[in-house]
Amino acid sequence: MQRAICFLTVHANPTTFRFAESIKQRHPSYDVFICIDNPPFPMIPYNSEWLTIIQYNHQECESHGYMGTVVYCLDRACSRDKALYYFCCDIQRPYDHVWFLEEDVFVPTLDTLTLLDGKYPTDDLLSAFNETKISDFDNRDYWQHWTRLSGRIDYPWAHSMISAVRVSKHLLDCIQKFANNKKHLLFDECLFNTLALQNELVISCPPEMTHIVFSFQDEIPVNVDPTFLYHPIKCLAIHEMLRSKLSSCIM
């Protein structure tokens, strides 16, 4: 299988660059990317054989319908829109699966993502959870953002925290078709799960992703499980500290 890992960032950060390069060194069969919303000045030095940087003028992505996934910049393409444009439209070879990870997702080890791929080899979407709404009268789970889908897509709807998700080429194809037809994307917390649900794709919610949660504060684990993902930890120095501590415990 051809697999990729893509980190989503607003600004380039040396910690993310170093970790991304280390994953490629450890797992050369994976292609590793960083999608940067705002151009770095100057660019952080990196090895182009280990790492690919995704950057676009936002108008290019918007002209193809890749915009609107990020709630705080609905009027322009942000890093997630740009990454989706790249993997849906602008690559020479499709990937069987692509990990999309926001920069504040803590990945404990260089093997965490590959272990998850080994455990869930064929699923179309890995996400923290998958809550659904099938009609206007379905009020089982209150969620303040359901209204963002009104008039944009028919039922059924679904949502999840998507700070870390793994997406199959089948789901990327569905996203491409939606962007082509609608000339926009959906709010990101609905996009992946809703299109996967409506296209009868396989959605899995691994226990290893249960710590992908919404919080205004860093959610720092007391005991790190090296097979789990954690969100949010916005301070990247804490990522390095936790990895170092975990590595010393394993040794």
C-alpha atoms as a PDB file:
ATOM      1  CA  MET A   1       0.000   0.000   0.000  1.00  0.00           C
ATOM      2  CA  GLN A   2       1.042   3.574  -0.686  1.00  0.00           C
ATOM      3  CA  ARG A   3       0.636   5.668   2.451  1.00  0.00           C
ATOM      4  CA  ALA A   4       1.285   9.294   3.334  1.00  0.00           C
ATOM      5  CA  ILE A   5       1.411  11.420   6.480  1.00  0.00           C
ATOM      6  CA  CYS A   6       0.573  15.117   6.231  1.00  0.00           C
ATOM      7  CA  PHE A   7       1.052  17.591   9.082  1.00  0.00           C
ATOM      8  CA  LEU A   8      -1.161  20.698   8.910  1.00  0.00           C
ATOM      9  CA  THR A   9       0.390  23.920  10.180  1.00  0.00           C
ATOM     10  CA  VAL A  10      -0.273  27.637  10.183  1.00  0.00           C
ATOM     11  CA  HIS A  11       3.416  28.521  10.479  1.00  0.00           C
ATOM     12  CA  ALA A  12       6.480  26.349   9.968  1.00  0.00           C
ATOM     13  CA  ASN A  13       8.028  25.045  13.181  1.00  0.00           C
ATOM     14  CA  PRO A  14      11.415  23.319  13.546  1.00  0.00           C
ATOM     15  CA  THR A  15       9.997  20.717  15.962  1.00  0.00           C
ATOM     16  CA  THR A  16       7.440  19.556  13.403  1.00  0.00           C
ATOM     17  CA  PHE A  17      10.054  19.487  10.651  1.00  0.00           C
ATOM     18  CA  ARG A  18      12.457  17.372  12.722  1.00  0.00           C
ATOM     19  CA  PHE A  19       9.785  14.895  13.761  1.00  0.00           C
ATOM     20  CA  ALA A  20       8.384  14.586  10.227  1.00  0.00           C
ATOM     21  CA  GLU A  21      11.854  13.907   8.806  1.00  0.00           C
ATOM     22  CA  SER A  22      12.497  11.318  11.503  1.00  0.00           C
ATOM     23  CA  ILE A  23       9.326   9.425  10.571  1.00  0.00           C
ATOM     24  CA  LYS A  24      10.490   9.247   6.953  1.00  0.00           C
ATOM     25  CA  GLN A  25      13.911   8.005   8.004  1.00  0.00           C
ATOM     26  CA  ARG A  26      12.330   5.346  10.200  1.00  0.00           C
ATOM     27  CA  HIS A  27       9.665   4.329   7.663  1.00  0.00           C
ATOM     28  CA  PRO A  28      10.978   5.019   4.150  1.00  0.00           C
ATOM     29  CA  SER A  29       7.936   3.446   2.469  1.00  0.00           C
ATOM     30  CA  TYR A  30       5.822   6.366   3.760  1.00  0.00           C
ATOM     31  CA  ASP A  31       5.794   9.775   2.103  1.00  0.00           C
ATOM     32  CA  VAL A  32       5.732  12.618   4.616  1.00  0.00           C
ATOM     33  CA  PHE A  33       4.375  16.125   3.992  1.00  0.00           C
ATOM     34  CA  ILE A  34       3.928  19.406   5.811  1.00  0.00           C
ATOM     35  CA  CYS A  35       1.211  21.739   4.530  1.00  0.00           C
ATOM     36  CA  ILE A  36       1.941  25.306   5.617  1.00  0.00           C
ATOM     37  CA  ASP A  37      -0.800  27.932   5.546  1.00  0.00           C
ATOM     38  CA  ASN A  38       1.433  30.989   5.845  1.00  0.00           C
ATOM     39  CA  PRO A  39       4.776  31.047   4.013  1.00  0.00           C
ATOM     40  CA  PRO A  40       7.773  30.783   6.358  1.00  0.00           C
ATOM     41  CA  PHE A  41      10.354  33.556   6.181  1.00  0.00           C
ATOM     42  CA  PRO A  42      12.981  32.253   6.088  1.00  0.00           C
ATOM     43  CA  MET A  43      12.196  28.612   5.232  1.00  0.00           C
ATOM     44  CA  ILE A  44      13.344  26.131   7.858  1.00  0.00           C
ATOM     45  CA  PRO A  45      16.168  23.962   6.454  1.00  0.00           C
ATOM     46  CA  TYR A  46      14.969  20.461   5.570  1.00  0.00           C
ATOM     47  CA  ASN A  47      15.937  17.446   3.495  1.00  0.00           C
ATOM     48  CA  SER A  48      13.743  17.373   0.376  1.00  0.00           C
ATOM     49  CA  GLU A  49      14.392  13.636   0.020  1.00  0.00           C
ATOM     50  CA  TRP A  50      12.650  13.047   3.352  1.00  0.00           C
ATOM     51  CA  LEU A  51      10.004  15.727   3.370  1.00  0.00           C
ATOM     52  CA  THR A  52       7.685  17.471   0.886  1.00  0.00           C
ATOM     53  CA  ILE A  53       6.342  20.943   1.650  1.00  0.00           C
ATOM     54  CA  ILE A  54       2.858  21.805   0.388  1.00  0.00           C
ATOM     55  CA  GLN A  55       2.188  25.489  -0.207  1.00  0.00           C
ATOM     56  CA  TYR A  56      -0.303  27.192  -2.505  1.00  0.00           C
ATOM     57  CA  ASN A  57      -1.580  30.610  -3.282  1.00  0.00           C
ATOM     58  CA  HIS A  58      -4.995  30.298  -1.664  1.00  0.00           C
ATOM     59  CA  GLN A  59      -6.800  31.544  -4.811  1.00  0.00           C
ATOM     60  CA  GLU A  60      -5.694  28.445  -6.749  1.00  0.00           C
ATOM     61  CA  CYS A  61      -7.378  26.113  -4.270  1.00  0.00           C
ATOM     62  CA  GLU A  62     -10.477  28.285  -3.996  1.00  0.00           C
ATOM     63  CA  SER A  63     -10.940  28.326  -7.775  1.00  0.00           C
ATOM     64  CA  HIS A  64     -11.317  24.530  -7.668  1.00  0.00           C
ATOM     65  CA  GLY A  65     -13.739  24.521  -4.726  1.00  0.00           C
ATOM     66  CA  TYR A  66     -11.221  23.726  -1.981  1.00  0.00           C
ATOM     67  CA  MET A  67     -12.221  26.199   0.707  1.00  0.00           C
ATOM     68  CA  GLY A  68     -14.529  26.486   3.688  1.00  0.00           C
ATOM     69  CA  THR A  69     -13.374  23.661   5.957  1.00  0.00           C
ATOM     70  CA  VAL A  70     -11.931  25.826   8.742  1.00  0.00           C
ATOM     71  CA  VAL A  71     -14.410  27.780  10.826  1.00  0.00           C
ATOM     72  CA  TYR A  72     -12.149  30.774  11.503  1.00  0.00           C
ATOM     73  CA  CYS A  73     -11.327  31.380   7.817  1.00  0.00           C
ATOM     74  CA  LEU A  74     -14.407  30.333   5.861  1.00  0.00           C
ATOM     75  CA  ASP A  75     -13.773  32.944   3.182  1.00  0.00           C
ATOM     76  CA  ARG A  76     -10.426  31.535   2.057  1.00  0.00           C
ATOM     77  CA  ALA A  77      -8.452  28.316   1.674  1.00  0.00           C
ATOM     78  CA  CYS A  78      -6.493  27.311   4.771  1.00  0.00           C
ATOM     79  CA  SER A  79      -3.942  24.548   5.314  1.00  0.00           C
ATOM     80  CA  ARG A  80      -6.549  21.738   5.398  1.00  0.00           C
ATOM     81  CA  ASP A  81      -8.160  22.970   2.171  1.00  0.00           C
ATOM     82  CA  LYS A  82      -4.746  23.223   0.547  1.00  0.00           C
ATOM     83  CA  ALA A  83      -3.723  19.740   1.670  1.00  0.00           C
ATOM     84  CA  LEU A  84      -6.969  18.269   0.338  1.00  0.00           C
ATOM     85  CA  TYR A  85      -6.463  20.068  -2.960  1.00  0.00           C
ATOM     86  CA  TYR A  86      -2.989  18.566  -3.203  1.00  0.00           C
ATOM     87  CA  PHE A  87      -4.015  14.986  -2.464  1.00  0.00           C
ATOM     88  CA  CYS A  88      -7.222  15.136  -4.508  1.00  0.00           C
ATOM     89  CA  CYS A  89      -6.013  17.041  -7.565  1.00  0.00           C
ATOM     90  CA  ASP A  90      -2.315  17.739  -7.750  1.00  0.00           C
ATOM     91  CA  ILE A  91      -0.336  14.523  -7.254  1.00  0.00           C
ATOM     92  CA  GLN A  92       1.046  12.081  -9.761  1.00  0.00           C
ATOM     93  CA  ARG A  93       0.098   8.943  -7.817  1.00  0.00           C
ATOM     94  CA  PRO A  94      -2.805   8.343  -5.460  1.00  0.00           C
ATOM     95  CA  TYR A  95      -2.232   7.115  -1.925  1.00  0.00           C
ATOM     96  CA  ASP A  96      -4.228   4.280  -0.414  1.00  0.00           C
ATOM     97  CA  HIS A  97      -4.387   6.198   2.871  1.00  0.00           C
ATOM     98  CA  VAL A  98      -3.350   9.664   4.030  1.00  0.00           C
ATOM     99  CA  TRP A  99      -3.015  10.784   7.649  1.00  0.00           C
ATOM    100  CA  PHE A 100      -3.987  14.432   8.216  1.00  0.00           C
ATOM    101  CA  LEU A 101      -2.649  15.682  11.550  1.00  0.00           C
ATOM    102  CA  GLU A 102      -2.911  19.138  13.031  1.00  0.00           C
ATOM    103  CA  GLU A 103       0.357  20.315  14.515  1.00  0.00           C
ATOM    104  CA  ASP A 104      -0.992  20.212  18.095  1.00  0.00           C
ATOM    105  CA  VAL A 105      -1.696  16.474  17.858  1.00  0.00           C
ATOM    106  CA  PHE A 106       0.878  14.653  19.960  1.00  0.00           C
ATOM    107  CA  VAL A 107       2.234  11.538  18.235  1.00  0.00           C
ATOM    108  CA  PRO A 108       4.210   9.687  20.926  1.00  0.00           C
ATOM    109  CA  THR A 109       6.656   7.724  18.776  1.00  0.00           C
ATOM    110  CA  LEU A 110       7.905   7.332  15.233  1.00  0.00           C
ATOM    111  CA  ASP A 111       5.959   4.062  15.067  1.00  0.00           C
ATOM    112  CA  THR A 112       2.575   5.184  16.428  1.00  0.00           C
ATOM    113  CA  LEU A 113       0.946   5.872  13.051  1.00  0.00           C
ATOM    114  CA  THR A 114       2.411   2.814  11.354  1.00  0.00           C
ATOM    115  CA  LEU A 115       1.151   0.610  14.188  1.00  0.00           C
ATOM    116  CA  LEU A 116      -2.340   2.033  13.687  1.00  0.00           C
ATOM    117  CA  ASP A 117      -2.068   1.370   9.959  1.00  0.00           C
ATOM    118  CA  GLY A 118      -1.148  -2.223  10.704  1.00  0.00           C
ATOM    119  CA  LYS A 119      -4.099  -2.635  13.057  1.00  0.00           C
ATOM    120  CA  TYR A 120      -6.640  -0.967  10.724  1.00  0.00           C
ATOM    121  CA  PRO A 121      -5.273  -1.714   7.248  1.00  0.00           C
ATOM    122  CA  THR A 122      -8.303  -1.164   5.021  1.00  0.00           C
ATOM    123  CA  ASP A 123     -10.753   1.196   6.769  1.00  0.00           C
ATOM    124  CA  ASP A 124     -11.741   4.272   4.754  1.00  0.00           C
ATOM    125  CA  LEU A 125     -11.865   6.694   7.675  1.00  0.00           C
ATOM    126  CA  LEU A 126     -10.259   6.562  11.096  1.00  0.00           C
ATOM    127  CA  SER A 127     -11.640   9.267  13.374  1.00  0.00           C
ATOM    128  CA  ALA A 128     -12.065   9.854  17.095  1.00  0.00           C
ATOM    129  CA  PHE A 129     -15.830   9.217  16.966  1.00  0.00           C
ATOM    130  CA  ASN A 130     -18.735   9.283  14.505  1.00  0.00           C
ATOM    131  CA  GLU A 131     -21.955  10.952  15.645  1.00  0.00           C
ATOM    132  CA  THR A 132     -24.821  11.107  13.152  1.00  0.00           C
ATOM    133  CA  LYS A 133     -27.983  13.120  12.477  1.00  0.00           C
ATOM    134  CA  ILE A 134     -30.490  11.656  10.026  1.00  0.00           C
ATOM    135  CA  SER A 135     -33.184  14.360   9.903  1.00  0.00           C
ATOM    136  CA  ASP A 136     -34.318  17.707  11.279  1.00  0.00           C
ATOM    137  CA  PHE A 137     -36.171  15.764  13.971  1.00  0.00           C
ATOM    138  CA  ASP A 138     -33.171  13.720  15.083  1.00  0.00           C
ATOM    139  CA  ASN A 139     -32.147  15.403  18.331  1.00  0.00           C
ATOM    140  CA  ARG A 140     -30.326  12.528  20.007  1.00  0.00           C
ATOM    141  CA  ASP A 141     -27.046  14.446  20.301  1.00  0.00           C
ATOM    142  CA  TYR A 142     -26.969  18.224  20.556  1.00  0.00           C
ATOM    143  CA  TRP A 143     -24.122  19.801  18.614  1.00  0.00           C
ATOM    144  CA  GLN A 144     -23.946  23.527  17.953  1.00  0.00           C
ATOM    145  CA  HIS A 145     -22.394  23.163  14.493  1.00  0.00           C
ATOM    146  CA  TRP A 146     -25.034  21.009  12.757  1.00  0.00           C
ATOM    147  CA  THR A 147     -26.490  24.188  11.248  1.00  0.00           C
ATOM    148  CA  ARG A 148     -23.308  24.647   9.215  1.00  0.00           C
ATOM    149  CA  LEU A 149     -24.547  21.823   6.961  1.00  0.00           C
ATOM    150  CA  SER A 150     -28.006  23.276   6.323  1.00  0.00           C
ATOM    151  CA  GLY A 151     -28.525  23.936   2.630  1.00  0.00           C
ATOM    152  CA  ARG A 152     -25.105  22.516   1.782  1.00  0.00           C
ATOM    153  CA  ILE A 153     -25.734  18.773   1.773  1.00  0.00           C
ATOM    154  CA  ASP A 154     -28.712  16.451   2.292  1.00  0.00           C
ATOM    155  CA  TYR A 155     -29.059  14.058   5.226  1.00  0.00           C
ATOM    156  CA  PRO A 156     -27.638  11.895   6.736  1.00  0.00           C
ATOM    157  CA  TRP A 157     -24.957  13.970   8.435  1.00  0.00           C
ATOM    158  CA  ALA A 158     -22.065  12.929  10.671  1.00  0.00           C
ATOM    159  CA  HIS A 159     -19.295  14.637  12.594  1.00  0.00           C
ATOM    160  CA  SER A 160     -16.182  13.998  14.654  1.00  0.00           C
ATOM    161  CA  MET A 161     -13.115  15.707  16.021  1.00  0.00           C
ATOM    162  CA  ILE A 162     -10.782  15.612  13.037  1.00  0.00           C
ATOM    163  CA  SER A 163      -7.535  16.987  14.462  1.00  0.00           C
ATOM    164  CA  ALA A 164      -6.172  13.582  13.474  1.00  0.00           C
ATOM    165  CA  VAL A 165      -7.850  11.483  10.786  1.00  0.00           C
ATOM    166  CA  ARG A 166      -6.786   8.858   8.295  1.00  0.00           C
ATOM    167  CA  VAL A 167      -8.520   9.055   4.921  1.00  0.00           C
ATOM    168  CA  SER A 168      -8.609   6.472   2.122  1.00  0.00           C
ATOM    169  CA  LYS A 169      -8.267   7.177  -1.597  1.00  0.00           C
ATOM    170  CA  HIS A 170     -11.946   6.259  -1.929  1.00  0.00           C
ATOM    171  CA  LEU A 171     -12.915   9.023   0.493  1.00  0.00           C
ATOM    172  CA  LEU A 172     -10.541  11.462  -1.230  1.00  0.00           C
ATOM    173  CA  ASP A 173     -12.333  10.644  -4.493  1.00  0.00           C
ATOM    174  CA  CYS A 174     -15.643  11.489  -2.819  1.00  0.00           C
ATOM    175  CA  ILE A 175     -14.240  14.797  -1.563  1.00  0.00           C
ATOM    176  CA  GLN A 176     -12.972  15.626  -5.049  1.00  0.00           C
ATOM    177  CA  LYS A 177     -16.375  14.928  -6.604  1.00  0.00           C
ATOM    178  CA  PHE A 178     -18.087  17.062  -3.965  1.00  0.00           C
ATOM    179  CA  ALA A 179     -15.696  19.982  -4.545  1.00  0.00           C
ATOM    180  CA  ASN A 180     -16.139  19.685  -8.306  1.00  0.00           C
ATOM    181  CA  ASN A 181     -19.928  19.715  -8.032  1.00  0.00           C
ATOM    182  CA  LYS A 182     -20.469  22.209  -5.212  1.00  0.00           C
ATOM    183  CA  LYS A 183     -17.440  24.514  -5.645  1.00  0.00           C
ATOM    184  CA  HIS A 184     -16.911  24.465  -1.894  1.00  0.00           C
ATOM    185  CA  LEU A 185     -16.170  22.000   0.901  1.00  0.00           C
ATOM    186  CA  LEU A 186     -17.944  21.399   4.199  1.00  0.00           C
ATOM    187  CA  PHE A 187     -16.962  22.411   7.723  1.00  0.00           C
ATOM    188  CA  ASP A 188     -14.079  20.055   8.475  1.00  0.00           C
ATOM    189  CA  GLU A 189     -15.625  18.358  11.512  1.00  0.00           C
ATOM    190  CA  CYS A 190     -18.458  17.206   9.214  1.00  0.00           C
ATOM    191  CA  LEU A 191     -16.697  16.798   5.875  1.00  0.00           C
ATOM    192  CA  PHE A 192     -14.935  13.454   6.274  1.00  0.00           C
ATOM    193  CA  ASN A 193     -17.564  11.647   8.318  1.00  0.00           C
ATOM    194  CA  THR A 194     -20.575  12.873   6.350  1.00  0.00           C
ATOM    195  CA  LEU A 195     -19.133  11.998   2.942  1.00  0.00           C
ATOM    196  CA  ALA A 196     -17.901   8.631   4.220  1.00  0.00           C
ATOM    197  CA  LEU A 197     -21.360   7.888   5.662  1.00  0.00           C
ATOM    198  CA  GLN A 198     -23.233   8.940   2.526  1.00  0.00           C
ATOM    199  CA  ASN A 199     -20.953   6.907   0.274  1.00  0.00           C
ATOM    200  CA  GLU A 200     -21.216   3.796   2.462  1.00  0.00           C
ATOM    201  CA  LEU A 201     -17.511   3.720   3.260  1.00  0.00           C
ATOM    202  CA  VAL A 202     -16.002   2.010   6.293  1.00  0.00           C
ATOM    203  CA  ILE A 203     -15.681   4.333   9.304  1.00  0.00           C
ATOM    204  CA  SER A 204     -13.759   3.150  12.357  1.00  0.00           C
ATOM    205  CA  CYS A 205     -13.229   4.891  15.680  1.00  0.00           C
ATOM    206  CA  PRO A 206     -10.173   3.247  17.240  1.00  0.00           C
ATOM    207  CA  PRO A 207      -9.714   3.355  21.013  1.00  0.00           C
ATOM    208  CA  GLU A 208      -6.247   4.720  20.247  1.00  0.00           C
ATOM    209  CA  MET A 209      -7.927   7.972  19.128  1.00  0.00           C
ATOM    210  CA  THR A 210     -10.167   8.531  22.168  1.00  0.00           C
ATOM    211  CA  HIS A 211      -7.811  11.237  23.462  1.00  0.00           C
ATOM    212  CA  ILE A 212      -8.473  13.391  20.386  1.00  0.00           C
ATOM    213  CA  VAL A 213     -10.735  15.867  22.184  1.00  0.00           C
ATOM    214  CA  PHE A 214     -11.731  19.533  22.100  1.00  0.00           C
ATOM    215  CA  SER A 215     -10.157  21.701  24.769  1.00  0.00           C
ATOM    216  CA  PHE A 216      -8.923  25.270  25.122  1.00  0.00           C
ATOM    217  CA  GLN A 217      -6.070  24.008  27.316  1.00  0.00           C
ATOM    218  CA  ASP A 218      -3.283  21.531  26.680  1.00  0.00           C
ATOM    219  CA  GLU A 219      -4.429  18.023  27.558  1.00  0.00           C
ATOM    220  CA  ILE A 220      -1.146  16.593  28.849  1.00  0.00           C
ATOM    221  CA  PRO A 221      -1.357  12.860  29.608  1.00  0.00           C
ATOM    222  CA  VAL A 222      -0.024  11.617  32.927  1.00  0.00           C
ATOM    223  CA  ASN A 223       0.888   8.276  31.411  1.00  0.00           C
ATOM    224  CA  VAL A 224       1.541   8.222  27.685  1.00  0.00           C
ATOM    225  CA  ASP A 225       0.463   5.145  25.768  1.00  0.00           C
ATOM    226  CA  PRO A 226       2.818   4.952  22.753  1.00  0.00           C
ATOM    227  CA  THR A 227       0.036   3.511  20.591  1.00  0.00           C
ATOM    228  CA  PHE A 228      -2.390   6.416  21.254  1.00  0.00           C
ATOM    229  CA  LEU A 229      -2.743   9.887  19.750  1.00  0.00           C
ATOM    230  CA  TYR A 230      -3.377  12.933  21.968  1.00  0.00           C
ATOM    231  CA  HIS A 231      -4.949  16.344  21.275  1.00  0.00           C
ATOM    232  CA  PRO A 232      -4.548  19.176  22.015  1.00  0.00           C
ATOM    233  CA  ILE A 233      -1.004  19.867  23.135  1.00  0.00           C
ATOM    234  CA  LYS A 234      -0.218  23.200  21.525  1.00  0.00           C
ATOM    235  CA  CYS A 235       3.181  23.652  23.157  1.00  0.00           C
ATOM    236  CA  LEU A 236       5.496  21.689  20.870  1.00  0.00           C
ATOM    237  CA  ALA A 237       8.260  21.740  23.464  1.00  0.00           C
ATOM    238  CA  ILE A 238       5.987  19.497  25.544  1.00  0.00           C
ATOM    239  CA  HIS A 239       5.822  17.065  22.602  1.00  0.00           C
ATOM    240  CA  GLU A 240       9.608  16.755  22.677  1.00  0.00           C
ATOM    241  CA  MET A 241       9.682  16.422  26.459  1.00  0.00           C
ATOM    242  CA  LEU A 242       7.065  13.671  26.473  1.00  0.00           C
ATOM    243  CA  ARG A 243       8.797  11.751  23.668  1.00  0.00           C
ATOM    244  CA  SER A 244      12.105  11.976  25.474  1.00  0.00           C
ATOM    245  CA  LYS A 245      10.535  10.795  28.723  1.00  0.00           C
ATOM    246  CA  LEU A 246       8.761   7.919  26.963  1.00  0.00           C
ATOM    247  CA  SER A 247      11.930   6.897  25.143  1.00  0.00           C
ATOM    248  CA  SER A 248      13.887   6.748  28.409  1.00  0.00           C
ATOM    249  CA  CYS A 249      11.164   4.617  30.011  1.00  0.00           C
ATOM    250  CA  ILE A 250      11.138   2.165  27.090  1.00  0.00           C
ATOM    251  CA  MET A 251      14.929   1.881  27.159  1.00  0.00           C
END
